[in-house]
PDB file of all heavy atoms in Angstrom:
ATOM      1  N   SER A   1      37.961  14.300  31.502  1.00  0.00           N
ATOM      2  CA  SER A   1      38.197  15.679  31.909  1.00  0.00           C
ATOM      3  C   SER A   1      37.817  15.796  33.374  1.00  0.00           C
ATOM      4  O   SER A   1      37.056  14.971  33.899  1.00  0.00           O
ATOM      5  CB  SER A   1      37.389  16.665  31.055  1.00  0.00           C
ATOM      6  OG  SER A   1      36.013  16.316  31.040  1.00  0.00           O
ATOM      7  N   PHE A   2      38.358  16.816  34.042  1.00  0.00           N
ATOM      8  CA  PHE A   2      38.188  16.939  35.484  1.00  0.00           C
ATOM      9  C   PHE A   2      37.726  18.342  35.860  1.00  0.00           C
ATOM     10  O   PHE A   2      38.187  19.328  35.287  1.00  0.00           O
ATOM     11  CB  PHE A   2      39.509  16.656  36.210  1.00  0.00           C
ATOM     12  CG  PHE A   2      40.162  15.362  35.815  1.00  0.00           C
ATOM     13  CD1 PHE A   2      41.459  15.347  35.311  1.00  0.00           C
ATOM     14  CD2 PHE A   2      39.490  14.159  35.939  1.00  0.00           C
ATOM     15  CE1 PHE A   2      42.074  14.163  34.944  1.00  0.00           C
ATOM     16  CE2 PHE A   2      40.089  12.962  35.578  1.00  0.00           C
ATOM     17  CZ  PHE A   2      41.395  12.963  35.075  1.00  0.00           C
ATOM     18  N   GLU A   3      36.824  18.405  36.850  1.00  0.00           N
ATOM     19  CA  GLU A   3      36.398  19.703  37.371  1.00  0.00           C
ATOM     20  C   GLU A   3      36.994  19.942  38.749  1.00  0.00           C
ATOM     21  O   GLU A   3      36.971  19.053  39.602  1.00  0.00           O
ATOM     22  CB  GLU A   3      34.871  19.773  37.466  1.00  0.00           C
ATOM     23  CG  GLU A   3      34.381  21.114  38.039  1.00  0.00           C
ATOM     24  CD  GLU A   3      32.874  21.172  38.191  1.00  0.00           C
ATOM     25  OE1 GLU A   3      32.201  21.250  37.140  1.00  0.00           O
ATOM     26  OE2 GLU A   3      32.373  21.117  39.332  1.00  0.00           O
ATOM     27  N   PHE A   4      37.502  21.151  38.954  1.00  0.00           N
ATOM     28  CA  PHE A   4      38.024  21.585  40.250  1.00  0.00           C
ATOM     29  C   PHE A   4      37.308  22.872  40.656  1.00  0.00           C
ATOM     30  O   PHE A   4      36.659  23.519  39.832  1.00  0.00           O
ATOM     31  CB  PHE A   4      39.532  21.859  40.165  1.00  0.00           C
ATOM     32  CG  PHE A   4      40.346  20.682  39.701  1.00  0.00           C
ATOM     33  CD1 PHE A   4      40.844  20.627  38.404  1.00  0.00           C
ATOM     34  CD2 PHE A   4      40.622  19.623  40.560  1.00  0.00           C
ATOM     35  CE1 PHE A   4      41.593  19.540  37.969  1.00  0.00           C
ATOM     36  CE2 PHE A   4      41.365  18.540  40.140  1.00  0.00           C
ATOM     37  CZ  PHE A   4      41.858  18.498  38.836  1.00  0.00           C
ATOM     38  N   PHE A   5      37.428  23.233  41.928  1.00  0.00           N
ATOM     39  CA  PHE A   5      36.911  24.531  42.353  1.00  0.00           C
ATOM     40  C   PHE A   5      38.047  25.344  42.975  1.00  0.00           C
ATOM     41  O   PHE A   5      39.000  24.775  43.531  1.00  0.00           O
ATOM     42  CB  PHE A   5      35.735  24.386  43.327  1.00  0.00           C
ATOM     43  CG  PHE A   5      36.045  23.665  44.615  1.00  0.00           C
ATOM     44  CD1 PHE A   5      36.596  24.339  45.698  1.00  0.00           C
ATOM     45  CD2 PHE A   5      35.760  22.317  44.754  1.00  0.00           C
ATOM     46  CE1 PHE A   5      36.884  23.686  46.892  1.00  0.00           C
ATOM     47  CE2 PHE A   5      36.044  21.644  45.945  1.00  0.00           C
ATOM     48  CZ  PHE A   5      36.598  22.331  47.010  1.00  0.00           C
ATOM     49  N   PRO A   6      37.993  26.680  42.878  1.00  0.00           N
ATOM     50  CA  PRO A   6      39.090  27.511  43.377  1.00  0.00           C
ATOM     51  C   PRO A   6      39.181  27.448  44.895  1.00  0.00           C
ATOM     52  O   PRO A   6      38.149  27.455  45.585  1.00  0.00           O
ATOM     53  CB  PRO A   6      38.730  28.920  42.887  1.00  0.00           C
ATOM     54  CG  PRO A   6      37.257  28.888  42.686  1.00  0.00           C
ATOM     55  CD  PRO A   6      36.921  27.492  42.255  1.00  0.00           C
ATOM     56  N   PRO A   7      40.371  27.390  45.445  1.00  0.00           N
ATOM     57  CA  PRO A   7      40.536  27.259  46.905  1.00  0.00           C
ATOM     58  C   PRO A   7      40.263  28.561  47.643  1.00  0.00           C
ATOM     59  O   PRO A   7      40.483  29.652  47.114  1.00  0.00           O
ATOM     60  CB  PRO A   7      42.001  26.863  47.040  1.00  0.00           C
ATOM     61  CG  PRO A   7      42.674  27.484  45.856  1.00  0.00           C
ATOM     62  CD  PRO A   7      41.661  27.429  44.743  1.00  0.00           C
ATOM     63  N   LYS A   8      39.785  28.408  48.877  1.00  0.00           N
ATOM     64  CA  LYS A   8      39.511  29.574  49.723  1.00  0.00           C
ATOM     65  C   LYS A   8      40.598  29.802  50.765  1.00  0.00           C
ATOM     66  O   LYS A   8      40.716  30.904  51.304  1.00  0.00           O
ATOM     67  CB  LYS A   8      38.173  29.393  50.437  1.00  0.00           C
ATOM     68  CG  LYS A   8      36.969  29.339  49.527  1.00  0.00           C
ATOM     69  CD  LYS A   8      35.692  29.157  50.330  1.00  0.00           C
ATOM     70  CE  LYS A   8      34.473  29.078  49.437  1.00  0.00           C
ATOM     71  NZ  LYS A   8      33.220  28.885  50.221  1.00  0.00           N
ATOM     72  N   THR A   9      41.364  28.765  51.094  1.00  0.00           N
ATOM     73  CA  THR A   9      42.391  28.859  52.121  1.00  0.00           C
ATOM     74  C   THR A   9      43.695  28.270  51.603  1.00  0.00           C
ATOM     75  O   THR A   9      43.727  27.588  50.573  1.00  0.00           O
ATOM     76  CB  THR A   9      41.972  28.085  53.382  1.00  0.00           C
ATOM     77  OG1 THR A   9      41.915  26.677  53.076  1.00  0.00           O
ATOM     78  CG2 THR A   9      40.610  28.551  53.895  1.00  0.00           C
ATOM     79  N   GLU A  10      44.762  28.509  52.355  1.00  0.00           N
ATOM     80  CA  GLU A  10      46.067  27.974  51.975  1.00  0.00           C
ATOM     81  C   GLU A  10      46.050  26.436  51.977  1.00  0.00           C
ATOM     82  O   GLU A  10      46.623  25.795  51.092  1.00  0.00           O
ATOM     83  CB  GLU A  10      47.138  28.488  52.935  1.00  0.00           C
ATOM     84  CG  GLU A  10      48.549  28.043  52.565  1.00  0.00           C
ATOM     85  CD  GLU A  10      49.603  28.645  53.488  1.00  0.00           C
ATOM     86  OE1 GLU A  10      49.286  29.615  54.203  1.00  0.00           O
ATOM     87  OE2 GLU A  10      50.734  28.138  53.488  1.00  0.00           O
ATOM     88  N   GLU A  11      45.376  25.858  52.960  1.00  0.00           N
ATOM     89  CA  GLU A  11      45.309  24.399  53.043  1.00  0.00           C
ATOM     90  C   GLU A  11      44.532  23.824  51.854  1.00  0.00           C
ATOM     91  O   GLU A  11      44.917  22.809  51.268  1.00  0.00           O
ATOM     92  CB  GLU A  11      44.627  23.977  54.360  1.00  0.00           C
ATOM     93  CG  GLU A  11      44.721  22.496  54.644  1.00  0.00           C
ATOM     94  CD  GLU A  11      46.154  21.999  54.803  1.00  0.00           C
ATOM     95  OE1 GLU A  11      47.004  22.772  55.283  1.00  0.00           O
ATOM     96  OE2 GLU A  11      46.409  20.830  54.447  1.00  0.00           O
ATOM     97  N   MET A  12      43.427  24.498  51.495  1.00  0.00           N
ATOM     98  CA  MET A  12      42.651  24.046  50.340  1.00  0.00           C
ATOM     99  C   MET A  12      43.447  24.193  49.046  1.00  0.00           C
ATOM    100  O   MET A  12      43.308  23.386  48.123  1.00  0.00           O
ATOM    101  CB  MET A  12      41.350  24.844  50.248  1.00  0.00           C
ATOM    102  CG  MET A  12      40.349  24.530  51.350  1.00  0.00           C
ATOM    103  SD  MET A  12      38.911  25.636  51.325  1.00  0.00           S
ATOM    104  CE  MET A  12      38.095  25.093  49.823  1.00  0.00           C
ATOM    105  N   GLU A  13      44.297  25.201  48.991  1.00  0.00           N
ATOM    106  CA  GLU A  13      45.132  25.378  47.808  1.00  0.00           C
ATOM    107  C   GLU A  13      46.134  24.236  47.671  1.00  0.00           C
ATOM    108  O   GLU A  13      46.377  23.731  46.568  1.00  0.00           O
ATOM    109  CB  GLU A  13      45.865  26.728  47.865  1.00  0.00           C
ATOM    110  CG  GLU A  13      46.721  26.973  46.644  1.00  0.00           C
ATOM    111  CD  GLU A  13      46.809  28.451  46.281  1.00  0.00           C
ATOM    112  OE1 GLU A  13      45.987  29.239  46.764  1.00  0.00           O
ATOM    113  OE2 GLU A  13      47.697  28.792  45.492  1.00  0.00           O
ATOM    114  N   LYS A  14      46.702  23.807  48.797  1.00  0.00           N
ATOM    115  CA  LYS A  14      47.620  22.663  48.755  1.00  0.00           C
ATOM    116  C   LYS A  14      46.915  21.412  48.258  1.00  0.00           C
ATOM    117  O   LYS A  14      47.454  20.653  47.446  1.00  0.00           O
ATOM    118  CB  LYS A  14      48.214  22.424  50.143  1.00  0.00           C
ATOM    119  CG  LYS A  14      49.182  23.503  50.605  1.00  0.00           C
ATOM    120  CD  LYS A  14      49.698  23.205  52.006  1.00  0.00           C
ATOM    121  CE  LYS A  14      50.660  24.286  52.477  1.00  0.00           C
ATOM    122  NZ  LYS A  14      51.137  24.041  53.863  1.00  0.00           N
ATOM    123  N   THR A  15      45.691  21.195  48.759  1.00  0.00           N
ATOM    124  CA  THR A  15      44.925  20.021  48.335  1.00  0.00           C
ATOM    125  C   THR A  15      44.617  20.085  46.846  1.00  0.00           C
ATOM    126  O   THR A  15      44.758  19.091  46.116  1.00  0.00           O
ATOM    127  CB  THR A  15      43.608  19.931  49.129  1.00  0.00           C
ATOM    128  OG1 THR A  15      43.900  19.789  50.517  1.00  0.00           O
ATOM    129  CG2 THR A  15      42.775  18.736  48.674  1.00  0.00           C
ATOM    130  N   LEU A  16      44.190  21.266  46.382  1.00  0.00           N
ATOM    131  CA  LEU A  16      43.875  21.431  44.962  1.00  0.00           C
ATOM    132  C   LEU A  16      45.068  21.108  44.087  1.00  0.00           C
ATOM    133  O   LEU A  16      44.975  20.307  43.142  1.00  0.00           O
ATOM    134  CB  LEU A  16      43.409  22.860  44.698  1.00  0.00           C
ATOM    135  CG  LEU A  16      43.340  23.268  43.215  1.00  0.00           C
ATOM    136  CD1 LEU A  16      42.291  22.445  42.483  1.00  0.00           C
ATOM    137  CD2 LEU A  16      43.064  24.760  43.078  1.00  0.00           C
ATOM    138  N   TRP A  17      46.212  21.712  44.406  1.00  0.00           N
ATOM    139  CA  TRP A  17      47.357  21.529  43.520  1.00  0.00           C
ATOM    140  C   TRP A  17      47.968  20.147  43.628  1.00  0.00           C
ATOM    141  O   TRP A  17      48.541  19.632  42.659  1.00  0.00           O
ATOM    142  CB  TRP A  17      48.371  22.649  43.748  1.00  0.00           C
ATOM    143  CG  TRP A  17      47.876  23.879  43.078  1.00  0.00           C
ATOM    144  CD1 TRP A  17      47.135  24.890  43.618  1.00  0.00           C
ATOM    145  CD2 TRP A  17      47.985  24.177  41.691  1.00  0.00           C
ATOM    146  NE1 TRP A  17      46.795  25.803  42.661  1.00  0.00           N
ATOM    147  CE2 TRP A  17      47.297  25.398  41.470  1.00  0.00           C
ATOM    148  CE3 TRP A  17      48.588  23.542  40.614  1.00  0.00           C
ATOM    149  CZ2 TRP A  17      47.221  25.980  40.213  1.00  0.00           C
ATOM    150  CZ3 TRP A  17      48.502  24.121  39.358  1.00  0.00           C
ATOM    151  CH2 TRP A  17      47.826  25.330  39.169  1.00  0.00           C
ATOM    152  N   SER A  18      47.825  19.521  44.760  1.00  0.00           N
ATOM    153  CA  SER A  18      48.225  18.121  44.876  1.00  0.00           C
ATOM    154  C   SER A  18      47.364  17.258  43.950  1.00  0.00           C
ATOM    155  O   SER A  18      47.867  16.351  43.258  1.00  0.00           O
ATOM    156  CB  SER A  18      48.082  17.646  46.330  1.00  0.00           C
ATOM    157  OG  SER A  18      48.343  16.263  46.447  1.00  0.00           O
ATOM    158  N   SER A  19      46.061  17.556  43.912  1.00  0.00           N
ATOM    159  CA  SER A  19      45.146  16.798  43.059  1.00  0.00           C
ATOM    160  C   SER A  19      45.410  17.065  41.580  1.00  0.00           C
ATOM    161  O   SER A  19      45.403  16.137  40.757  1.00  0.00           O
ATOM    162  CB  SER A  19      43.699  17.143  43.407  1.00  0.00           C
ATOM    163  OG  SER A  19      43.386  16.757  44.724  1.00  0.00           O
ATOM    164  N   ILE A  20      45.648  18.315  41.237  1.00  0.00           N
ATOM    165  CA  ILE A  20      45.949  18.652  39.847  1.00  0.00           C
ATOM    166  C   ILE A  20      47.197  17.923  39.386  1.00  0.00           C
ATOM    167  O   ILE A  20      47.233  17.329  38.295  1.00  0.00           O
ATOM    168  CB  ILE A  20      46.109  20.181  39.675  1.00  0.00           C
ATOM    169  CG1 ILE A  20      44.754  20.881  39.817  1.00  0.00           C
ATOM    170  CG2 ILE A  20      46.740  20.517  38.317  1.00  0.00           C
ATOM    171  CD1 ILE A  20      44.837  22.399  39.779  1.00  0.00           C
ATOM    172  N   HIS A  21      48.217  17.943  40.224  1.00  0.00           N
ATOM    173  CA  HIS A  21      49.471  17.306  39.842  1.00  0.00           C
ATOM    174  C   HIS A  21      49.325  15.785  39.765  1.00  0.00           C
ATOM    175  O   HIS A  21      49.950  15.138  38.923  1.00  0.00           O
ATOM    176  CB  HIS A  21      50.566  17.682  40.846  1.00  0.00           C
ATOM    177  CG  HIS A  21      51.938  17.309  40.384  1.00  0.00           C
ATOM    178  ND1 HIS A  21      52.464  17.720  39.186  1.00  0.00           N
ATOM    179  CD2 HIS A  21      52.894  16.539  40.974  1.00  0.00           C
ATOM    180  CE1 HIS A  21      53.697  17.241  39.054  1.00  0.00           C
ATOM    181  NE2 HIS A  21      53.976  16.510  40.115  1.00  0.00           N
ATOM    182  N   ARG A  22      48.480  15.231  40.608  1.00  0.00           N
ATOM    183  CA  ARG A  22      48.233  13.790  40.586  1.00  0.00           C
ATOM    184  C   ARG A  22      47.528  13.362  39.301  1.00  0.00           C
ATOM    185  O   ARG A  22      47.844  12.317  38.722  1.00  0.00           O
ATOM    186  CB  ARG A  22      47.371  13.420  41.801  1.00  0.00           C
ATOM    187  CG  ARG A  22      46.866  11.980  41.837  1.00  0.00           C
ATOM    188  CD  ARG A  22      47.927  11.036  42.285  1.00  0.00           C
ATOM    189  NE  ARG A  22      47.358   9.742  42.643  1.00  0.00           N
ATOM    190  CZ  ARG A  22      48.009   8.594  42.534  1.00  0.00           C
ATOM    191  NH1 ARG A  22      49.245   8.571  42.074  1.00  0.00           N
ATOM    192  NH2 ARG A  22      47.442   7.454  42.893  1.00  0.00           N
ATOM    193  N   LEU A  23      46.581  14.172  38.835  1.00  0.00           N
ATOM    194  CA  LEU A  23      45.761  13.793  37.691  1.00  0.00           C
ATOM    195  C   LEU A  23      46.328  14.267  36.348  1.00  0.00           C
ATOM    196  O   LEU A  23      45.992  13.704  35.303  1.00  0.00           O
ATOM    197  CB  LEU A  23      44.351  14.347  37.867  1.00  0.00           C
ATOM    198  CG  LEU A  23      43.556  13.783  39.059  1.00  0.00           C
ATOM    199  CD1 LEU A  23      42.257  14.560  39.256  1.00  0.00           C
ATOM    200  CD2 LEU A  23      43.264  12.296  38.862  1.00  0.00           C
ATOM    201  N   ALA A  24      47.177  15.272  36.363  1.00  0.00           N
ATOM    202  CA  ALA A  24      47.698  15.843  35.123  1.00  0.00           C
ATOM    203  C   ALA A  24      48.389  14.817  34.222  1.00  0.00           C
ATOM    204  O   ALA A  24      48.210  14.855  32.993  1.00  0.00           O
ATOM    205  CB  ALA A  24      48.647  17.002  35.427  1.00  0.00           C
ATOM    206  N   PRO A  25      49.185  13.872  34.767  1.00  0.00           N
ATOM    207  CA  PRO A  25      49.865  12.914  33.890  1.00  0.00           C
ATOM    208  C   PRO A  25      48.926  11.999  33.108  1.00  0.00           C
ATOM    209  O   PRO A  25      49.368  11.289  32.202  1.00  0.00           O
ATOM    210  CB  PRO A  25      50.731  12.107  34.873  1.00  0.00           C
ATOM    211  CG  PRO A  25      50.947  13.015  36.033  1.00  0.00           C
ATOM    212  CD  PRO A  25      49.656  13.740  36.165  1.00  0.00           C
ATOM    213  N   LEU A  26      47.637  11.998  33.441  1.00  0.00           N
ATOM    214  CA  LEU A  26      46.676  11.180  32.700  1.00  0.00           C
ATOM    215  C   LEU A  26      46.224  11.861  31.413  1.00  0.00           C
ATOM    216  O   LEU A  26      45.402  11.331  30.667  1.00  0.00           O
ATOM    217  CB  LEU A  26      45.464  10.868  33.578  1.00  0.00           C
ATOM    218  CG  LEU A  26      45.762  10.079  34.858  1.00  0.00           C
ATOM    219  CD1 LEU A  26      44.487   9.863  35.662  1.00  0.00           C
ATOM    220  CD2 LEU A  26      46.420   8.744  34.529  1.00  0.00           C
ATOM    221  N   SER A  27      46.753  13.057  31.163  1.00  0.00           N
ATOM    222  CA  SER A  27      46.482  13.817  29.932  1.00  0.00           C
ATOM    223  C   SER A  27      44.991  14.005  29.664  1.00  0.00           C
ATOM    224  O   SER A  27      44.460  13.580  28.629  1.00  0.00           O
ATOM    225  CB  SER A  27      47.149  13.130  28.730  1.00  0.00           C
ATOM    226  OG  SER A  27      48.538  13.060  28.896  1.00  0.00           O
ATOM    227  N   PRO A  28      44.272  14.653  30.594  1.00  0.00           N
ATOM    228  CA  PRO A  28      42.844  14.906  30.363  1.00  0.00           C
ATOM    229  C   PRO A  28      42.626  15.825  29.166  1.00  0.00           C
ATOM    230  O   PRO A  28      43.501  16.615  28.804  1.00  0.00           O
ATOM    231  CB  PRO A  28      42.403  15.597  31.660  1.00  0.00           C
ATOM    232  CG  PRO A  28      43.657  16.224  32.202  1.00  0.00           C
ATOM    233  CD  PRO A  28      44.754  15.271  31.845  1.00  0.00           C
ATOM    234  N   SER A  29      41.441  15.718  28.575  1.00  0.00           N
ATOM    235  CA  SER A  29      41.105  16.596  27.448  1.00  0.00           C
ATOM    236  C   SER A  29      41.129  18.051  27.891  1.00  0.00           C
ATOM    237  O   SER A  29      41.569  18.930  27.154  1.00  0.00           O
ATOM    238  CB  SER A  29      39.714  16.251  26.909  1.00  0.00           C
ATOM    239  OG  SER A  29      39.652  14.914  26.479  1.00  0.00           O
ATOM    240  N   PHE A  30      40.612  18.307  29.090  1.00  0.00           N
ATOM    241  CA  PHE A  30      40.642  19.640  29.686  1.00  0.00           C
ATOM    242  C   PHE A  30      40.358  19.506  31.172  1.00  0.00           C
ATOM    243  O   PHE A  30      39.926  18.448  31.650  1.00  0.00           O
ATOM    244  CB  PHE A  30      39.625  20.581  29.020  1.00  0.00           C
ATOM    245  CG  PHE A  30      38.186  20.171  29.186  1.00  0.00           C
ATOM    246  CD1 PHE A  30      37.430  20.613  30.271  1.00  0.00           C
ATOM    247  CD2 PHE A  30      37.576  19.345  28.258  1.00  0.00           C
ATOM    248  CE1 PHE A  30      36.106  20.235  30.428  1.00  0.00           C
ATOM    249  CE2 PHE A  30      36.250  18.952  28.403  1.00  0.00           C
ATOM    250  CZ  PHE A  30      35.512  19.397  29.492  1.00  0.00           C
ATOM    251  N   VAL A  31      40.632  20.574  31.908  1.00  0.00           N
ATOM    252  CA  VAL A  31      40.253  20.651  33.316  1.00  0.00           C
ATOM    253  C   VAL A  31      39.469  21.945  33.496  1.00  0.00           C
ATOM    254  O   VAL A  31      39.863  22.996  32.985  1.00  0.00           O
ATOM    255  CB  VAL A  31      41.469  20.616  34.269  1.00  0.00           C
ATOM    256  CG1 VAL A  31      42.186  19.282  34.167  1.00  0.00           C
ATOM    257  CG2 VAL A  31      42.433  21.756  33.995  1.00  0.00           C
ATOM    258  N   SER A  32      38.331  21.870  34.165  1.00  0.00           N
ATOM    259  CA  SER A  32      37.517  23.066  34.350  1.00  0.00           C
ATOM    260  C   SER A  32      37.631  23.573  35.781  1.00  0.00           C
ATOM    261  O   SER A  32      37.887  22.800  36.705  1.00  0.00           O
ATOM    262  CB  SER A  32      36.054  22.792  33.993  1.00  0.00           C
ATOM    263  OG  SER A  32      35.474  21.870  34.891  1.00  0.00           O
ATOM    264  N   VAL A  33      37.446  24.865  35.938  1.00  0.00           N
ATOM    265  CA  VAL A  33      37.524  25.504  37.251  1.00  0.00           C
ATOM    266  C   VAL A  33      36.230  26.274  37.462  1.00  0.00           C
ATOM    267  O   VAL A  33      35.869  27.138  36.654  1.00  0.00           O
ATOM    268  CB  VAL A  33      38.730  26.456  37.354  1.00  0.00           C
ATOM    269  CG1 VAL A  33      38.797  27.066  38.753  1.00  0.00           C
ATOM    270  CG2 VAL A  33      40.026  25.710  37.036  1.00  0.00           C
ATOM    271  N   THR A  34      35.523  25.980  38.554  1.00  0.00           N
ATOM    272  CA  THR A  34      34.200  26.552  38.780  1.00  0.00           C
ATOM    273  C   THR A  34      34.282  28.028  39.161  1.00  0.00           C
ATOM    274  O   THR A  34      35.350  28.567  39.464  1.00  0.00           O
ATOM    275  CB  THR A  34      33.442  25.774  39.863  1.00  0.00           C
ATOM    276  OG1 THR A  34      34.160  25.883  41.102  1.00  0.00           O
ATOM    277  CG2 THR A  34      33.285  24.320  39.483  1.00  0.00           C
TER     278      THR A  34
END
């Protein structure tokens, strides 16, 4: 499972969603958001 934190800027949002999309195909049990 993976933990992420909510983005504060547009650039951080791009990084977050790039990471989510990269890791999603590994079928984690869950992903948490702080």
